[in-house]
Amino acid sequence: MNDPRIRVLVVDDDPMAAAGITAVLGASTDIDVVGRCADGDEVAAAVAAHHPDVVLCDVRMPRMDGVAVVRALGGSTPRFLMMTAFDEDGRVLDAVSAGASGFMLKDEDPQRIIDAVRQVAAGDAAFSPRAARQLSMWVRDSRGTDARRDAAAKMEQLTTREREFAIAVTDGASDADIAQRFFVAETTVKSTLAVIRGKWGVRTRTELAVVVARSGA
């Protein structure tokens, strides 16, 4: 029988940080840290050896930084979740453009990091609130008139509750955050976001957030 746990490769040049992240993930029964790398130039060999579902990768490393790793190895498998100890606004855009599925700060609440790994493993996106805001600002600045009109039309398709949930996603809120904010069950949030994705013909949380940002909502 195949192991249903999410296989994670941790990449960080700081041994203390790597150990801390490994401990955080170890608290979850559905996540298995299958390996650790001390720099980006070790990742290709580790991916080939361990076949991770998610690579949890530091942004800043001395020999090969995280964004360069994503550019070199990015694809559908494994998925990359970037982490940093710093507020590096420009690196959010670099990472997403390179193919990363998420961007989190290392000092996030441990449960948020665990949830982010699960989201990325499921093919969705996960961003800290600050990273989500930076991504949203970039999309707003780069949108064209046709894209804006198309996005605004998509927003008009939504019910009031669907619109509220969609806007919350652009703030970087997790499903649990949205459930708490609007006093509903987390399953309600998941099903509502699935309905929105179906209406808009998008597959991921990032694509959903881009539509909202382009609309100017």
C-alpha atoms as a PDB file:
ATOM      1  CA  MET A   1       0.000   0.000   0.000  1.00  0.00           C
ATOM      2  CA  ASN A   2       1.299   3.465  -0.855  1.00  0.00           C
ATOM      3  CA  ASP A   3       2.160   5.775   2.040  1.00  0.00           C
ATOM      4  CA  PRO A   4      -0.542   8.493   2.081  1.00  0.00           C
ATOM      5  CA  ARG A   5       1.664  10.936   3.968  1.00  0.00           C
ATOM      6  CA  ILE A   6       2.948  14.082   2.263  1.00  0.00           C
ATOM      7  CA  ARG A   7       6.651  13.690   1.515  1.00  0.00           C
ATOM      8  CA  VAL A   8       8.580  16.898   2.255  1.00  0.00           C
ATOM      9  CA  LEU A   9      12.167  17.876   1.511  1.00  0.00           C
ATOM     10  CA  VAL A  10      13.466  20.712   3.736  1.00  0.00           C
ATOM     11  CA  VAL A  11      16.099  23.004   2.199  1.00  0.00           C
ATOM     12  CA  ASP A  12      17.816  25.529   4.489  1.00  0.00           C
ATOM     13  CA  ASP A  13      21.458  26.490   5.042  1.00  0.00           C
ATOM     14  CA  ASP A  14      20.749  27.263   8.722  1.00  0.00           C
ATOM     15  CA  PRO A  15      20.842  23.948  10.672  1.00  0.00           C
ATOM     16  CA  MET A  16      18.806  25.411  13.548  1.00  0.00           C
ATOM     17  CA  ALA A  17      16.101  26.669  11.198  1.00  0.00           C
ATOM     18  CA  ALA A  18      16.005  23.352   9.334  1.00  0.00           C
ATOM     19  CA  ALA A  19      15.689  21.448  12.605  1.00  0.00           C
ATOM     20  CA  GLY A  20      12.921  23.770  13.777  1.00  0.00           C
ATOM     21  CA  ILE A  21      10.908  23.396  10.589  1.00  0.00           C
ATOM     22  CA  THR A  22      11.401  19.626  10.673  1.00  0.00           C
ATOM     23  CA  ALA A  23      10.097  19.561  14.251  1.00  0.00           C
ATOM     24  CA  VAL A  24       7.051  21.634  13.296  1.00  0.00           C
ATOM     25  CA  LEU A  25       6.189  19.318  10.426  1.00  0.00           C
ATOM     26  CA  GLY A  26       6.890  16.269  12.575  1.00  0.00           C
ATOM     27  CA  ALA A  27       3.946  17.225  14.777  1.00  0.00           C
ATOM     28  CA  SER A  28       1.610  16.298  11.927  1.00  0.00           C
ATOM     29  CA  THR A  29       0.809  12.640  11.317  1.00  0.00           C
ATOM     30  CA  ASP A  30       0.141  13.196   7.604  1.00  0.00           C
ATOM     31  CA  ILE A  31       3.538  14.779   6.797  1.00  0.00           C
ATOM     32  CA  ASP A  32       6.857  12.946   6.507  1.00  0.00           C
ATOM     33  CA  VAL A  33      10.141  14.873   6.196  1.00  0.00           C
ATOM     34  CA  VAL A  34      12.073  12.568   3.872  1.00  0.00           C
ATOM     35  CA  GLY A  35      15.289  14.584   3.635  1.00  0.00           C
ATOM     36  CA  ARG A  36      17.150  17.828   4.294  1.00  0.00           C
ATOM     37  CA  CYS A  37      19.543  19.889   2.169  1.00  0.00           C
ATOM     38  CA  ALA A  38      21.938  22.607   3.341  1.00  0.00           C
ATOM     39  CA  ASP A  39      22.010  24.527   0.048  1.00  0.00           C
ATOM     40  CA  GLY A  40      20.192  24.836  -3.234  1.00  0.00           C
ATOM     41  CA  ASP A  41      22.807  22.995  -5.253  1.00  0.00           C
ATOM     42  CA  GLU A  42      21.990  19.798  -3.330  1.00  0.00           C
ATOM     43  CA  VAL A  43      18.290  19.800  -4.187  1.00  0.00           C
ATOM     44  CA  ALA A  44      18.316  18.092  -7.587  1.00  0.00           C
ATOM     45  CA  ALA A  45      20.055  15.000  -6.219  1.00  0.00           C
ATOM     46  CA  ALA A  46      17.813  14.930  -3.134  1.00  0.00           C
ATOM     47  CA  VAL A  47      14.655  15.180  -5.239  1.00  0.00           C
ATOM     48  CA  ALA A  48      15.844  12.273  -7.386  1.00  0.00           C
ATOM     49  CA  ALA A  49      16.648  10.216  -4.287  1.00  0.00           C
ATOM     50  CA  HIS A  50      13.615  10.965  -2.105  1.00  0.00           C
ATOM     51  CA  HIS A  51      10.801  11.853  -4.552  1.00  0.00           C
ATOM     52  CA  PRO A  52       9.198  14.537  -2.343  1.00  0.00           C
ATOM     53  CA  ASP A  53       5.718  15.918  -2.973  1.00  0.00           C
ATOM     54  CA  VAL A  54       6.728  19.320  -1.600  1.00  0.00           C
ATOM     55  CA  VAL A  55      10.093  21.063  -1.351  1.00  0.00           C
ATOM     56  CA  LEU A  56      10.079  23.522   1.557  1.00  0.00           C
ATOM     57  CA  CYS A  57      12.876  25.822   0.429  1.00  0.00           C
ATOM     58  CA  ASP A  58      14.669  28.774   2.018  1.00  0.00           C
ATOM     59  CA  VAL A  59      14.971  31.837  -0.216  1.00  0.00           C
ATOM     60  CA  ARG A  60      18.437  32.966   0.875  1.00  0.00           C
ATOM     61  CA  MET A  61      21.279  30.455   0.555  1.00  0.00           C
ATOM     62  CA  PRO A  62      24.965  31.090  -0.198  1.00  0.00           C
ATOM     63  CA  ARG A  63      25.660  28.932  -3.248  1.00  0.00           C
ATOM     64  CA  MET A  64      22.287  28.578  -4.999  1.00  0.00           C
ATOM     65  CA  ASP A  65      19.328  30.528  -3.687  1.00  0.00           C
ATOM     66  CA  GLY A  66      15.783  29.246  -3.504  1.00  0.00           C
ATOM     67  CA  VAL A  67      14.443  31.119  -6.518  1.00  0.00           C
ATOM     68  CA  ALA A  68      17.262  29.715  -8.676  1.00  0.00           C
ATOM     69  CA  VAL A  69      16.347  26.227  -7.459  1.00  0.00           C
ATOM     70  CA  VAL A  70      12.718  26.709  -8.498  1.00  0.00           C
ATOM     71  CA  ARG A  71      13.773  28.006 -11.909  1.00  0.00           C
ATOM     72  CA  ALA A  72      16.005  24.972 -12.394  1.00  0.00           C
ATOM     73  CA  LEU A  73      13.633  22.316 -11.062  1.00  0.00           C
ATOM     74  CA  GLY A  74      10.185  23.898 -11.007  1.00  0.00           C
ATOM     75  CA  GLY A  75       7.361  21.899 -12.515  1.00  0.00           C
ATOM     76  CA  SER A  76       4.244  20.028 -11.517  1.00  0.00           C
ATOM     77  CA  THR A  77       6.203  17.671  -9.238  1.00  0.00           C
ATOM     78  CA  PRO A  78       7.564  18.390  -6.742  1.00  0.00           C
ATOM     79  CA  ARG A  79       5.847  21.621  -5.760  1.00  0.00           C
ATOM     80  CA  PHE A  80       7.843  24.378  -4.093  1.00  0.00           C
ATOM     81  CA  LEU A  81       6.860  26.273  -0.949  1.00  0.00           C
ATOM     82  CA  MET A  82       9.337  29.079  -0.294  1.00  0.00           C
ATOM     83  CA  MET A  83      10.232  30.297   3.201  1.00  0.00           C
ATOM     84  CA  THR A  84      12.218  33.249   4.469  1.00  0.00           C
ATOM     85  CA  ALA A  85      13.035  34.936   7.759  1.00  0.00           C
ATOM     86  CA  PHE A  86      12.831  38.358   6.096  1.00  0.00           C
ATOM     87  CA  ASP A  87      10.146  40.525   4.488  1.00  0.00           C
ATOM     88  CA  GLU A  88      11.464  40.268   0.935  1.00  0.00           C
ATOM     89  CA  ASP A  89       8.722  41.763  -1.200  1.00  0.00           C
ATOM     90  CA  GLY A  90      10.524  41.435  -4.528  1.00  0.00           C
ATOM     91  CA  ARG A  91      11.376  37.814  -3.905  1.00  0.00           C
ATOM     92  CA  VAL A  92       7.681  36.909  -3.673  1.00  0.00           C
ATOM     93  CA  LEU A  93       7.221  37.918  -7.302  1.00  0.00           C
ATOM     94  CA  ASP A  94      10.478  36.267  -8.339  1.00  0.00           C
ATOM     95  CA  ALA A  95       9.440  33.001  -6.689  1.00  0.00           C
ATOM     96  CA  VAL A  96       5.938  32.963  -8.175  1.00  0.00           C
ATOM     97  CA  SER A  97       7.257  33.855 -11.630  1.00  0.00           C
ATOM     98  CA  ALA A  98       9.769  31.008 -11.329  1.00  0.00           C
ATOM     99  CA  GLY A  99       6.995  28.537 -10.543  1.00  0.00           C
ATOM    100  CA  ALA A 100       6.717  28.392  -6.734  1.00  0.00           C
ATOM    101  CA  SER A 101       3.323  27.439  -5.308  1.00  0.00           C
ATOM    102  CA  GLY A 102       3.642  29.433  -2.101  1.00  0.00           C
ATOM    103  CA  PHE A 103       5.645  31.833   0.028  1.00  0.00           C
ATOM    104  CA  MET A 104       5.667  31.911   3.837  1.00  0.00           C
ATOM    105  CA  LEU A 105       7.617  33.610   6.615  1.00  0.00           C
ATOM    106  CA  LYS A 106       9.503  31.323   8.988  1.00  0.00           C
ATOM    107  CA  ASP A 107       7.941  32.978  12.035  1.00  0.00           C
ATOM    108  CA  GLU A 108       4.417  32.090  10.938  1.00  0.00           C
ATOM    109  CA  ASP A 109       2.271  30.155  13.378  1.00  0.00           C
ATOM    110  CA  PRO A 110       3.330  26.468  13.137  1.00  0.00           C
ATOM    111  CA  GLN A 111      -0.177  25.347  12.223  1.00  0.00           C
ATOM    112  CA  ARG A 112      -0.234  27.826   9.338  1.00  0.00           C
ATOM    113  CA  ILE A 113       3.003  26.317   7.992  1.00  0.00           C
ATOM    114  CA  ILE A 114       1.557  22.802   8.262  1.00  0.00           C
ATOM    115  CA  ASP A 115      -1.617  23.945   6.493  1.00  0.00           C
ATOM    116  CA  ALA A 116       0.481  25.604   3.779  1.00  0.00           C
ATOM    117  CA  VAL A 117       2.327  22.345   3.097  1.00  0.00           C
ATOM    118  CA  ARG A 118      -1.001  20.522   2.807  1.00  0.00           C
ATOM    119  CA  GLN A 119      -2.404  23.141   0.439  1.00  0.00           C
ATOM    120  CA  VAL A 120       0.647  23.062  -1.818  1.00  0.00           C
ATOM    121  CA  ALA A 121       0.707  19.250  -1.827  1.00  0.00           C
ATOM    122  CA  ALA A 122      -2.939  19.281  -2.926  1.00  0.00           C
ATOM    123  CA  GLY A 123      -2.025  21.439  -5.923  1.00  0.00           C
ATOM    124  CA  ASP A 124      -3.198  24.703  -4.428  1.00  0.00           C
ATOM    125  CA  ALA A 125      -1.244  27.794  -3.418  1.00  0.00           C
ATOM    126  CA  ALA A 126      -0.315  29.132   0.021  1.00  0.00           C
ATOM    127  CA  PHE A 127       0.928  32.614   0.868  1.00  0.00           C
ATOM    128  CA  SER A 128       1.508  34.485   4.093  1.00  0.00           C
ATOM    129  CA  PRO A 129      -0.771  37.556   4.366  1.00  0.00           C
ATOM    130  CA  ARG A 130       2.097  39.934   3.524  1.00  0.00           C
ATOM    131  CA  ALA A 131       3.175  37.878   0.506  1.00  0.00           C
ATOM    132  CA  ALA A 132      -0.426  37.717  -0.698  1.00  0.00           C
ATOM    133  CA  ARG A 133      -0.714  41.516  -0.481  1.00  0.00           C
ATOM    134  CA  GLN A 134       2.485  41.968  -2.478  1.00  0.00           C
ATOM    135  CA  LEU A 135       1.252  39.577  -5.143  1.00  0.00           C
ATOM    136  CA  SER A 136      -2.086  41.371  -5.257  1.00  0.00           C
ATOM    137  CA  MET A 137      -0.415  44.786  -5.654  1.00  0.00           C
ATOM    138  CA  TRP A 138       1.756  43.475  -8.473  1.00  0.00           C
ATOM    139  CA  VAL A 139      -1.262  42.090 -10.329  1.00  0.00           C
ATOM    140  CA  ARG A 140      -3.157  45.373  -9.913  1.00  0.00           C
ATOM    141  CA  ASP A 141      -0.225  47.372 -11.254  1.00  0.00           C
ATOM    142  CA  SER A 142       0.214  45.095 -14.261  1.00  0.00           C
ATOM    143  CA  ARG A 143      -3.392  44.542 -15.307  1.00  0.00           C
ATOM    144  CA  GLY A 144      -4.693  45.787 -18.657  1.00  0.00           C
ATOM    145  CA  THR A 145      -8.121  47.202 -19.429  1.00  0.00           C
ATOM    146  CA  ASP A 146      -9.460  43.992 -21.001  1.00  0.00           C
ATOM    147  CA  ALA A 147      -8.183  41.862 -18.126  1.00  0.00           C
ATOM    148  CA  ARG A 148      -9.725  44.252 -15.614  1.00  0.00           C
ATOM    149  CA  ARG A 149     -13.114  44.157 -17.334  1.00  0.00           C
ATOM    150  CA  ASP A 150     -13.031  40.375 -17.578  1.00  0.00           C
ATOM    151  CA  ALA A 151     -12.147  40.065 -13.891  1.00  0.00           C
ATOM    152  CA  ALA A 152     -14.853  42.546 -12.882  1.00  0.00           C
ATOM    153  CA  ALA A 153     -17.391  40.531 -14.876  1.00  0.00           C
ATOM    154  CA  LYS A 154     -16.306  37.382 -13.063  1.00  0.00           C
ATOM    155  CA  MET A 155     -16.795  39.096  -9.699  1.00  0.00           C
ATOM    156  CA  GLU A 156     -20.342  40.003 -10.756  1.00  0.00           C
ATOM    157  CA  GLN A 157     -21.103  36.281 -11.091  1.00  0.00           C
ATOM    158  CA  LEU A 158     -20.617  35.748  -7.361  1.00  0.00           C
ATOM    159  CA  THR A 159     -23.076  35.853  -4.503  1.00  0.00           C
ATOM    160  CA  THR A 160     -22.330  38.205  -1.623  1.00  0.00           C
ATOM    161  CA  ARG A 161     -20.871  35.389   0.478  1.00  0.00           C
ATOM    162  CA  GLU A 162     -18.789  34.043  -2.410  1.00  0.00           C
ATOM    163  CA  ARG A 163     -17.419  37.530  -3.016  1.00  0.00           C
ATOM    164  CA  GLU A 164     -16.475  37.892   0.661  1.00  0.00           C
ATOM    165  CA  PHE A 165     -14.616  34.583   0.639  1.00  0.00           C
ATOM    166  CA  ALA A 166     -12.820  35.400  -2.632  1.00  0.00           C
ATOM    167  CA  ILE A 167     -11.606  38.750  -1.313  1.00  0.00           C
ATOM    168  CA  ALA A 168     -10.425  37.071   1.892  1.00  0.00           C
ATOM    169  CA  VAL A 169      -8.239  34.743  -0.191  1.00  0.00           C
ATOM    170  CA  THR A 170      -6.367  37.751  -1.615  1.00  0.00           C
ATOM    171  CA  ASP A 171      -5.603  38.822   1.967  1.00  0.00           C
ATOM    172  CA  GLY A 172      -3.723  35.551   2.445  1.00  0.00           C
ATOM    173  CA  ALA A 173      -6.413  34.029   4.668  1.00  0.00           C
ATOM    174  CA  SER A 174      -6.427  30.247   4.976  1.00  0.00           C
ATOM    175  CA  ASP A 175      -9.654  28.241   4.882  1.00  0.00           C
ATOM    176  CA  ALA A 176      -9.559  28.107   8.685  1.00  0.00           C
ATOM    177  CA  ASP A 177      -9.080  31.892   8.888  1.00  0.00           C
ATOM    178  CA  ILE A 178     -12.046  32.514   6.598  1.00  0.00           C
ATOM    179  CA  ALA A 179     -14.217  30.091   8.565  1.00  0.00           C
ATOM    180  CA  GLN A 180     -13.383  31.891  11.801  1.00  0.00           C
ATOM    181  CA  ARG A 181     -13.906  35.333  10.275  1.00  0.00           C
ATOM    182  CA  PHE A 182     -17.374  34.543   8.914  1.00  0.00           C
ATOM    183  CA  PHE A 183     -18.506  32.077  11.605  1.00  0.00           C
ATOM    184  CA  VAL A 184     -18.961  29.132   9.256  1.00  0.00           C
ATOM    185  CA  ALA A 185     -17.564  25.609   9.059  1.00  0.00           C
ATOM    186  CA  GLU A 186     -14.260  25.103   7.261  1.00  0.00           C
ATOM    187  CA  THR A 187     -15.999  22.606   4.973  1.00  0.00           C
ATOM    188  CA  THR A 188     -18.335  25.426   3.920  1.00  0.00           C
ATOM    189  CA  VAL A 189     -15.339  27.560   2.976  1.00  0.00           C
ATOM    190  CA  LYS A 190     -13.794  24.743   0.946  1.00  0.00           C
ATOM    191  CA  SER A 191     -17.007  24.007  -0.930  1.00  0.00           C
ATOM    192  CA  THR A 192     -17.689  27.700  -1.585  1.00  0.00           C
ATOM    193  CA  LEU A 193     -14.201  28.297  -2.982  1.00  0.00           C
ATOM    194  CA  ALA A 194     -14.644  25.210  -5.166  1.00  0.00           C
ATOM    195  CA  VAL A 195     -17.876  26.712  -6.529  1.00  0.00           C
ATOM    196  CA  ILE A 196     -16.057  29.984  -7.305  1.00  0.00           C
ATOM    197  CA  ARG A 197     -13.261  28.162  -9.112  1.00  0.00           C
ATOM    198  CA  GLY A 198     -15.876  26.290 -11.124  1.00  0.00           C
ATOM    199  CA  LYS A 199     -17.696  29.495 -12.099  1.00  0.00           C
ATOM    200  CA  TRP A 200     -14.453  31.140 -13.179  1.00  0.00           C
ATOM    201  CA  GLY A 201     -12.785  28.146 -14.783  1.00  0.00           C
ATOM    202  CA  VAL A 202      -9.681  28.393 -12.587  1.00  0.00           C
ATOM    203  CA  ARG A 203      -7.956  25.556 -10.758  1.00  0.00           C
ATOM    204  CA  THR A 204      -5.875  27.068  -7.973  1.00  0.00           C
ATOM    205  CA  ARG A 205      -6.070  29.532  -5.115  1.00  0.00           C
ATOM    206  CA  THR A 206      -3.456  31.716  -6.809  1.00  0.00           C
ATOM    207  CA  GLU A 207      -5.494  31.945 -10.015  1.00  0.00           C
ATOM    208  CA  LEU A 208      -8.554  32.858  -7.956  1.00  0.00           C
ATOM    209  CA  ALA A 209      -6.624  35.585  -6.125  1.00  0.00           C
ATOM    210  CA  VAL A 210      -5.311  36.998  -9.410  1.00  0.00           C
ATOM    211  CA  VAL A 211      -8.866  37.424 -10.736  1.00  0.00           C
ATOM    212  CA  VAL A 212      -9.931  39.255  -7.572  1.00  0.00           C
ATOM    213  CA  ALA A 213      -6.858  41.503  -7.670  1.00  0.00           C
ATOM    214  CA  ARG A 214      -7.371  42.373 -11.330  1.00  0.00           C
ATOM    215  CA  SER A 215     -10.981  43.310 -10.639  1.00  0.00           C
ATOM    216  CA  GLY A 216      -9.866  45.920  -8.112  1.00  0.00           C
ATOM    217  CA  ALA A 217     -12.257  44.526  -5.489  1.00  0.00           C
END
